[in-house]
């Protein structure tokens, strides 16, 4: 049996990949929402550290335990039966989530390039007028309107 056969049989790779994707999404959402609700600056680093420390725990639990339609049970070393059909469903879910993330990143990158071009063009064309000139111009406009 190869080195990767046992972790593959116990779904360690699937759990690890799923954990990384879900953790990334949760960190992105927290990074957006925490400043909105006025969270202190220390909350985000602590939150990220807790999520990162949970990764090895998830891998150890996926090695030791197996989730099946019958419930959570301890994985036996001599268990050579095929994985449950839910493993195939998990594969499709992971591939779908990865496809959505890749599409989102491509769209996000393309819209950022458009936004930067517009911002650069606008900054180049803007002129700052001193306050006196604006006041004089508005006074002239008021006099002509009378």
N, C-alpha and C. Protein backbone atom coordinates (compact mmCIF):
# COMPACT_ATOMS: atom_id res chain seq x y z
N UNK A 1 0.85 -1.17 0.00
CA UNK A 1 0.00 0.00 0.00
C UNK A 1 0.90 1.24 0.00
N UNK A 2 0.59 2.21 -0.84
CA UNK A 2 1.42 3.41 -0.94
C UNK A 2 1.17 4.34 0.25
N UNK A 3 2.03 5.34 0.34
CA UNK A 3 1.94 6.30 1.44
C UNK A 3 0.64 7.09 1.40
N UNK A 4 0.16 7.40 0.22
CA UNK A 4 -1.04 8.22 0.08
C UNK A 4 -2.33 7.41 0.07
N UNK A 5 -2.26 6.10 0.03
CA UNK A 5 -3.46 5.27 -0.05
C UNK A 5 -4.29 5.35 1.23
N UNK A 6 -3.63 5.28 2.37
CA UNK A 6 -4.37 5.29 3.64
C UNK A 6 -5.05 6.64 3.90
N UNK A 7 -4.36 7.78 3.75
CA UNK A 7 -5.07 9.06 3.92
C UNK A 7 -6.20 9.24 2.91
N UNK A 8 -6.00 8.73 1.70
CA UNK A 8 -7.05 8.83 0.69
C UNK A 8 -8.26 8.00 1.10
N UNK A 9 -8.01 6.80 1.62
CA UNK A 9 -9.10 5.93 2.05
C UNK A 9 -9.88 6.54 3.20
N UNK A 10 -9.18 7.26 4.05
CA UNK A 10 -9.82 7.86 5.22
C UNK A 10 -10.35 9.28 4.93
N UNK A 11 -10.29 9.72 3.70
CA UNK A 11 -10.81 11.03 3.25
C UNK A 11 -10.10 12.22 3.90
N UNK A 12 -8.84 12.05 4.25
CA UNK A 12 -8.09 13.15 4.86
C UNK A 12 -7.88 14.28 3.86
N UNK A 13 -7.59 13.95 2.62
CA UNK A 13 -7.36 14.98 1.60
C UNK A 13 -8.64 15.77 1.32
N UNK A 14 -9.76 15.09 1.26
CA UNK A 14 -11.04 15.77 1.01
C UNK A 14 -11.37 16.73 2.15
N UNK A 15 -11.18 16.25 3.37
CA UNK A 15 -11.48 17.10 4.52
C UNK A 15 -10.54 18.30 4.55
N UNK A 16 -9.26 18.08 4.26
CA UNK A 16 -8.30 19.17 4.25
C UNK A 16 -8.64 20.22 3.21
N UNK A 17 -8.95 19.80 2.00
CA UNK A 17 -9.30 20.73 0.94
C UNK A 17 -10.60 21.47 1.26
N UNK A 18 -11.57 20.76 1.77
CA UNK A 18 -12.83 21.40 2.15
C UNK A 18 -12.61 22.42 3.26
N UNK A 19 -11.78 22.07 4.24
CA UNK A 19 -11.50 22.98 5.34
C UNK A 19 -10.82 24.25 4.83
N UNK A 20 -9.86 24.10 3.93
CA UNK A 20 -9.15 25.27 3.40
C UNK A 20 -10.11 26.19 2.65
N UNK A 21 -10.98 25.64 1.83
CA UNK A 21 -11.92 26.45 1.05
C UNK A 21 -12.91 27.17 1.97
N UNK A 22 -13.49 26.43 2.90
CA UNK A 22 -14.48 27.03 3.80
C UNK A 22 -13.81 28.06 4.72
N UNK A 23 -12.61 27.76 5.21
CA UNK A 23 -11.90 28.71 6.08
C UNK A 23 -11.59 29.99 5.32
N UNK A 24 -11.18 29.87 4.06
CA UNK A 24 -10.88 31.06 3.25
C UNK A 24 -12.14 31.92 3.09
N UNK A 25 -13.27 31.28 2.81
CA UNK A 25 -14.52 32.02 2.64
C UNK A 25 -14.91 32.71 3.94
N UNK A 26 -14.80 32.00 5.06
CA UNK A 26 -15.17 32.57 6.36
C UNK A 26 -14.26 33.75 6.71
N UNK A 27 -12.97 33.62 6.44
CA UNK A 27 -12.04 34.71 6.73
C UNK A 27 -12.34 35.93 5.86
N UNK A 28 -12.69 35.72 4.59
CA UNK A 28 -13.03 36.84 3.71
C UNK A 28 -14.29 37.55 4.18
N UNK A 29 -15.29 36.78 4.59
CA UNK A 29 -16.53 37.39 5.09
C UNK A 29 -16.26 38.14 6.38
N UNK A 30 -15.49 37.55 7.28
CA UNK A 30 -15.17 38.22 8.54
C UNK A 30 -14.36 39.49 8.30
N UNK A 31 -13.45 39.45 7.35
CA UNK A 31 -12.64 40.63 7.03
C UNK A 31 -13.51 41.77 6.51
N UNK A 32 -14.60 41.44 5.87
CA UNK A 32 -15.51 42.45 5.36
C UNK A 32 -16.46 42.95 6.44
N UNK A 33 -16.99 42.03 7.24
CA UNK A 33 -18.04 42.40 8.19
C UNK A 33 -17.54 42.94 9.53
N UNK A 34 -16.40 42.47 10.02
CA UNK A 34 -15.94 42.91 11.34
C UNK A 34 -15.71 44.42 11.42
N UNK A 35 -15.05 45.04 10.44
CA UNK A 35 -14.91 46.51 10.53
C UNK A 35 -16.26 47.23 10.45
N UNK A 36 -17.20 46.64 9.73
CA UNK A 36 -18.52 47.25 9.61
C UNK A 36 -19.22 47.35 10.97
N UNK A 37 -19.03 46.35 11.80
CA UNK A 37 -19.66 46.33 13.11
C UNK A 37 -18.76 46.90 14.20
N UNK A 38 -17.66 47.51 13.82
CA UNK A 38 -16.81 48.21 14.78
C UNK A 38 -16.02 47.28 15.69
N UNK A 39 -15.63 46.13 15.21
CA UNK A 39 -14.85 45.20 16.03
C UNK A 39 -13.45 45.77 16.24
N UNK A 40 -12.85 45.51 17.40
CA UNK A 40 -11.49 45.99 17.65
C UNK A 40 -10.50 45.38 16.66
N UNK A 41 -9.34 46.00 16.53
CA UNK A 41 -8.35 45.57 15.55
C UNK A 41 -7.79 44.18 15.86
N UNK A 42 -7.80 43.76 17.12
CA UNK A 42 -7.22 42.47 17.48
C UNK A 42 -8.12 41.29 17.14
N UNK A 43 -9.37 41.52 16.82
CA UNK A 43 -10.31 40.42 16.60
C UNK A 43 -9.96 39.62 15.35
N UNK A 44 -9.63 40.28 14.26
CA UNK A 44 -9.36 39.56 13.01
C UNK A 44 -8.12 38.67 13.09
N UNK A 45 -6.99 39.14 13.64
CA UNK A 45 -5.85 38.22 13.77
C UNK A 45 -6.13 37.02 14.68
N UNK A 46 -6.87 37.25 15.76
CA UNK A 46 -7.21 36.14 16.66
C UNK A 46 -8.15 35.17 15.95
N UNK A 47 -9.11 35.68 15.23
CA UNK A 47 -10.06 34.85 14.49
C UNK A 47 -9.33 34.00 13.45
N UNK A 48 -8.42 34.61 12.72
CA UNK A 48 -7.65 33.89 11.70
C UNK A 48 -6.76 32.82 12.34
N UNK A 49 -6.14 33.15 13.46
CA UNK A 49 -5.28 32.18 14.16
C UNK A 49 -6.08 30.98 14.64
N UNK A 50 -7.26 31.22 15.18
CA UNK A 50 -8.10 30.11 15.64
C UNK A 50 -8.49 29.20 14.48
N UNK A 51 -8.83 29.79 13.36
CA UNK A 51 -9.19 28.99 12.19
C UNK A 51 -7.98 28.18 11.71
N UNK A 52 -6.80 28.81 11.68
CA UNK A 52 -5.60 28.09 11.25
C UNK A 52 -5.23 26.97 12.22
N UNK A 53 -5.43 27.17 13.50
CA UNK A 53 -5.13 26.12 14.47
C UNK A 53 -6.14 24.97 14.39
N UNK A 54 -7.31 25.23 13.85
CA UNK A 54 -8.30 24.18 13.69
C UNK A 54 -8.00 23.23 12.54
N UNK A 55 -7.13 23.64 11.61
CA UNK A 55 -6.81 22.80 10.45
C UNK A 55 -6.17 21.47 10.85
N UNK A 56 -5.10 21.46 11.66
CA UNK A 56 -4.54 20.15 12.05
C UNK A 56 -5.54 19.29 12.82
N UNK A 57 -6.37 19.94 13.64
CA UNK A 57 -7.39 19.20 14.39
C UNK A 57 -8.37 18.53 13.43
N UNK A 58 -8.77 19.23 12.40
CA UNK A 58 -9.69 18.65 11.41
C UNK A 58 -9.05 17.46 10.70
N UNK A 59 -7.75 17.57 10.37
CA UNK A 59 -7.07 16.46 9.72
C UNK A 59 -6.96 15.24 10.63
N UNK A 60 -6.64 15.46 11.90
CA UNK A 60 -6.54 14.34 12.86
C UNK A 60 -7.90 13.68 13.04
N UNK A 61 -8.95 14.48 13.17
CA UNK A 61 -10.29 13.90 13.34
C UNK A 61 -10.74 13.16 12.08
N UNK A 62 -10.36 13.66 10.90
CA UNK A 62 -10.75 12.95 9.68
C UNK A 62 -9.99 11.64 9.55
N UNK A 63 -8.80 11.57 10.11
CA UNK A 63 -8.03 10.33 10.11
C UNK A 63 -8.66 9.32 11.06
N UNK A 64 -9.09 9.77 12.22
CA UNK A 64 -9.57 8.86 13.26
C UNK A 64 -11.04 8.49 13.11
N UNK A 65 -11.85 9.37 12.56
CA UNK A 65 -13.29 9.14 12.51
C UNK A 65 -13.77 9.07 11.06
N UNK A 66 -14.87 8.36 10.88
CA UNK A 66 -15.48 8.25 9.56
C UNK A 66 -16.95 8.63 9.67
N UNK A 67 -17.39 9.48 8.77
CA UNK A 67 -18.80 9.87 8.72
C UNK A 67 -19.47 9.04 7.65
N UNK A 68 -20.49 8.32 8.04
CA UNK A 68 -21.22 7.47 7.10
C UNK A 68 -22.72 7.69 7.31
N UNK A 69 -23.54 7.12 6.46
CA UNK A 69 -24.98 7.25 6.67
C UNK A 69 -25.43 6.70 8.04
N UNK A 70 -24.65 5.78 8.60
CA UNK A 70 -25.00 5.20 9.91
C UNK A 70 -24.58 6.12 11.05
N UNK A 71 -23.80 7.16 10.76
CA UNK A 71 -23.35 8.09 11.80
C UNK A 71 -21.84 8.18 11.83
N UNK A 72 -21.34 8.78 12.89
CA UNK A 72 -19.89 8.92 13.05
C UNK A 72 -19.37 7.69 13.79
N UNK A 73 -18.34 7.08 13.22
CA UNK A 73 -17.76 5.90 13.84
C UNK A 73 -16.24 5.97 13.74
N UNK A 74 -15.57 5.17 14.58
CA UNK A 74 -14.12 5.12 14.56
C UNK A 74 -13.68 4.31 13.35
N UNK A 75 -12.68 4.81 12.62
CA UNK A 75 -12.15 4.11 11.47
C UNK A 75 -11.19 3.04 11.95
N UNK A 76 -11.39 1.83 11.49
CA UNK A 76 -10.52 0.73 11.88
C UNK A 76 -9.38 0.61 10.88
N UNK A 77 -8.21 0.18 11.38
CA UNK A 77 -7.04 0.05 10.51
C UNK A 77 -7.24 -1.01 9.44
N UNK A 78 -7.92 -2.08 9.76
CA UNK A 78 -8.09 -3.16 8.81
C UNK A 78 -9.27 -2.98 7.89
N UNK A 79 -9.97 -1.87 7.99
CA UNK A 79 -11.17 -1.63 7.17
C UNK A 79 -10.75 -1.30 5.75
N UNK A 80 -10.94 -2.25 4.85
CA UNK A 80 -10.55 -2.04 3.45
C UNK A 80 -11.75 -1.90 2.53
N UNK A 81 -12.92 -1.69 3.09
CA UNK A 81 -14.12 -1.55 2.26
C UNK A 81 -14.07 -0.24 1.50
N UNK A 82 -14.82 -0.20 0.45
CA UNK A 82 -14.92 1.01 -0.35
C UNK A 82 -15.55 2.11 0.49
N UNK A 83 -15.22 3.36 0.16
CA UNK A 83 -15.82 4.50 0.85
C UNK A 83 -17.31 4.57 0.56
N UNK A 84 -17.99 5.35 1.34
CA UNK A 84 -19.43 5.47 1.20
C UNK A 84 -19.76 6.28 -0.07
N UNK A 85 -20.99 6.15 -0.57
CA UNK A 85 -21.38 6.91 -1.75
C UNK A 85 -21.36 8.42 -1.51
N UNK A 86 -21.38 8.83 -0.24
CA UNK A 86 -21.34 10.26 0.03
C UNK A 86 -19.99 10.85 -0.35
N UNK A 87 -18.95 10.02 -0.48
CA UNK A 87 -17.64 10.51 -0.92
C UNK A 87 -17.70 11.05 -2.33
N UNK A 88 -18.47 10.40 -3.20
CA UNK A 88 -18.61 10.88 -4.58
C UNK A 88 -19.35 12.22 -4.60
N UNK A 89 -20.36 12.35 -3.77
CA UNK A 89 -21.08 13.61 -3.67
C UNK A 89 -20.16 14.71 -3.17
N UNK A 90 -19.32 14.40 -2.20
CA UNK A 90 -18.37 15.37 -1.68
C UNK A 90 -17.39 15.81 -2.76
N UNK A 91 -16.97 14.89 -3.61
CA UNK A 91 -16.08 15.24 -4.72
C UNK A 91 -16.74 16.27 -5.64
N UNK A 92 -18.01 16.04 -5.98
CA UNK A 92 -18.71 16.97 -6.86
C UNK A 92 -18.93 18.33 -6.18
N UNK A 93 -19.20 18.32 -4.89
CA UNK A 93 -19.38 19.58 -4.17
C UNK A 93 -18.07 20.37 -4.16
N UNK A 94 -16.96 19.70 -3.88
CA UNK A 94 -15.66 20.36 -3.86
C UNK A 94 -15.33 20.93 -5.23
N UNK A 95 -15.55 20.16 -6.29
CA UNK A 95 -15.26 20.65 -7.63
C UNK A 95 -16.16 21.83 -7.99
N UNK A 96 -17.42 21.79 -7.59
CA UNK A 96 -18.33 22.90 -7.86
C UNK A 96 -17.92 24.17 -7.14
N UNK A 97 -17.54 24.03 -5.87
CA UNK A 97 -17.10 25.19 -5.10
C UNK A 97 -15.82 25.76 -5.69
N UNK A 98 -14.89 24.89 -6.07
CA UNK A 98 -13.65 25.37 -6.68
C UNK A 98 -13.92 26.09 -8.00
N UNK A 99 -14.84 25.58 -8.80
CA UNK A 99 -15.18 26.24 -10.06
C UNK A 99 -15.79 27.62 -9.80
N UNK A 100 -16.67 27.72 -8.81
CA UNK A 100 -17.28 29.01 -8.47
C UNK A 100 -16.22 30.00 -7.99
N UNK A 101 -15.29 29.55 -7.17
CA UNK A 101 -14.23 30.43 -6.66
C UNK A 101 -13.35 30.91 -7.81
N UNK A 102 -12.99 30.03 -8.71
CA UNK A 102 -12.15 30.42 -9.84
C UNK A 102 -12.88 31.43 -10.73
N UNK A 103 -14.14 31.18 -11.02
CA UNK A 103 -14.93 32.12 -11.83
C UNK A 103 -15.02 33.47 -11.14
N UNK A 104 -15.27 33.46 -9.83
CA UNK A 104 -15.38 34.70 -9.07
C UNK A 104 -14.07 35.47 -9.10
N UNK A 105 -12.93 34.77 -8.95
CA UNK A 105 -11.63 35.43 -8.98
C UNK A 105 -11.35 36.05 -10.35
N UNK A 106 -11.70 35.35 -11.42
CA UNK A 106 -11.48 35.89 -12.76
C UNK A 106 -12.33 37.13 -12.98
N UNK A 107 -13.59 37.08 -12.57
CA UNK A 107 -14.47 38.24 -12.73
C UNK A 107 -13.98 39.40 -11.88
N UNK A 108 -13.56 39.11 -10.65
CA UNK A 108 -13.08 40.14 -9.74
C UNK A 108 -11.83 40.81 -10.29
N UNK A 109 -10.92 40.03 -10.84
CA UNK A 109 -9.69 40.60 -11.40
C UNK A 109 -9.99 41.46 -12.62
N UNK A 110 -10.93 41.03 -13.46
CA UNK A 110 -11.22 41.80 -14.67
C UNK A 110 -11.93 43.11 -14.32
N UNK A 111 -12.80 43.12 -13.32
CA UNK A 111 -13.47 44.36 -12.94
C UNK A 111 -12.52 45.29 -12.21
N UNK A 112 -11.54 44.77 -11.47
CA UNK A 112 -10.55 45.62 -10.81
C UNK A 112 -9.71 46.37 -11.83
N UNK A 113 -9.36 45.72 -12.93
CA UNK A 113 -8.57 46.38 -13.97
C UNK A 113 -9.36 47.54 -14.58
N UNK A 114 -10.65 47.35 -14.83
CA UNK A 114 -11.48 48.41 -15.38
C UNK A 114 -11.59 49.58 -14.40
N UNK A 115 -11.76 49.29 -13.12
CA UNK A 115 -11.91 50.31 -12.10
C UNK A 115 -10.63 51.13 -11.98
N UNK A 116 -9.48 50.49 -12.03
CA UNK A 116 -8.22 51.21 -11.92
C UNK A 116 -8.01 52.14 -13.11
N UNK A 117 -8.41 51.73 -14.29
CA UNK A 117 -8.27 52.57 -15.48
C UNK A 117 -9.14 53.81 -15.35
N UNK A 118 -10.37 53.66 -14.92
CA UNK A 118 -11.27 54.79 -14.76
C UNK A 118 -10.76 55.72 -13.68
N UNK A 119 -10.28 55.18 -12.56
CA UNK A 119 -9.78 56.02 -11.47
C UNK A 119 -8.57 56.82 -11.91
N UNK A 120 -7.67 56.23 -12.67
CA UNK A 120 -6.48 56.93 -13.14
C UNK A 120 -6.87 58.04 -14.10
N UNK A 121 -7.77 57.75 -15.00
CA UNK A 121 -8.22 58.76 -15.96
C UNK A 121 -8.89 59.92 -15.25
N UNK A 122 -9.73 59.65 -14.27
CA UNK A 122 -10.43 60.70 -13.55
C UNK A 122 -9.46 61.57 -12.77
N UNK A 123 -8.46 60.97 -12.12
CA UNK A 123 -7.50 61.74 -11.33
C UNK A 123 -6.66 62.64 -12.23
N UNK A 124 -6.34 62.19 -13.43
CA UNK A 124 -5.53 63.00 -14.34
C UNK A 124 -6.31 64.21 -14.84
N UNK A 125 -7.61 64.09 -15.01
CA UNK A 125 -8.42 65.16 -15.58
C UNK A 125 -8.97 66.13 -14.54
N UNK A 126 -8.84 65.80 -13.27
CA UNK A 126 -9.40 66.66 -12.23
C UNK A 126 -8.46 67.83 -11.95
N UNK A 127 -9.04 68.98 -11.69
CA UNK A 127 -8.26 70.16 -11.31
C UNK A 127 -8.83 70.67 -10.00
N UNK A 128 -7.93 71.18 -9.16
CA UNK A 128 -8.37 71.73 -7.89
C UNK A 128 -8.35 73.25 -7.99
N UNK A 129 -9.48 73.87 -7.71
CA UNK A 129 -9.56 75.32 -7.75
C UNK A 129 -9.48 75.86 -6.33
N UNK A 130 -8.77 76.95 -6.14
CA UNK A 130 -8.75 77.56 -4.80
C UNK A 130 -10.14 78.01 -4.41
N UNK A 131 -10.36 78.12 -3.13
CA UNK A 131 -11.69 78.47 -2.61
C UNK A 131 -12.13 79.85 -3.06
N UNK A 132 -11.20 80.81 -3.21
CA UNK A 132 -11.57 82.16 -3.62
C UNK A 132 -12.13 82.18 -5.03
N UNK A 133 -11.51 81.41 -5.94
CA UNK A 133 -11.99 81.39 -7.32
C UNK A 133 -13.39 80.79 -7.40
N UNK A 134 -13.65 79.78 -6.60
CA UNK A 134 -14.98 79.17 -6.59
C UNK A 134 -16.00 80.15 -6.05
N UNK A 135 -15.64 80.88 -5.01
CA UNK A 135 -16.56 81.86 -4.43
C UNK A 135 -16.85 82.98 -5.42
N UNK A 136 -15.82 83.46 -6.12
CA UNK A 136 -16.00 84.52 -7.10
C UNK A 136 -16.87 84.03 -8.25
N UNK A 137 -16.63 82.82 -8.71
CA UNK A 137 -17.42 82.27 -9.81
C UNK A 137 -18.88 82.11 -9.41
N UNK A 138 -19.14 81.67 -8.18
CA UNK A 138 -20.53 81.50 -7.76
C UNK A 138 -21.20 82.85 -7.58
N UNK A 139 -20.46 83.89 -7.15
CA UNK A 139 -21.03 85.22 -7.02
C UNK A 139 -21.38 85.79 -8.38
N UNK A 140 -20.50 85.57 -9.36
CA UNK A 140 -20.79 86.04 -10.71
C UNK A 140 -22.03 85.37 -11.26
N UNK A 141 -22.16 84.05 -10.98
CA UNK A 141 -23.32 83.33 -11.46
C UNK A 141 -24.60 83.87 -10.83
N UNK A 142 -24.54 84.21 -9.56
CA UNK A 142 -25.73 84.75 -8.88
C UNK A 142 -26.11 86.13 -9.44
N UNK A 143 -25.11 86.96 -9.74
CA UNK A 143 -25.40 88.30 -10.27
C UNK A 143 -26.00 88.23 -11.68
N UNK A 144 -25.52 87.27 -12.46
CA UNK A 144 -26.05 87.18 -13.82
C UNK A 144 -27.45 86.59 -13.82
N UNK A 145 -27.75 85.81 -12.80
CA UNK A 145 -29.06 85.19 -12.75
C UNK A 145 -30.14 86.21 -12.36
N UNK A 146 -29.76 87.31 -11.69
CA UNK A 146 -30.72 88.31 -11.26
C UNK A 146 -31.10 89.13 -12.41
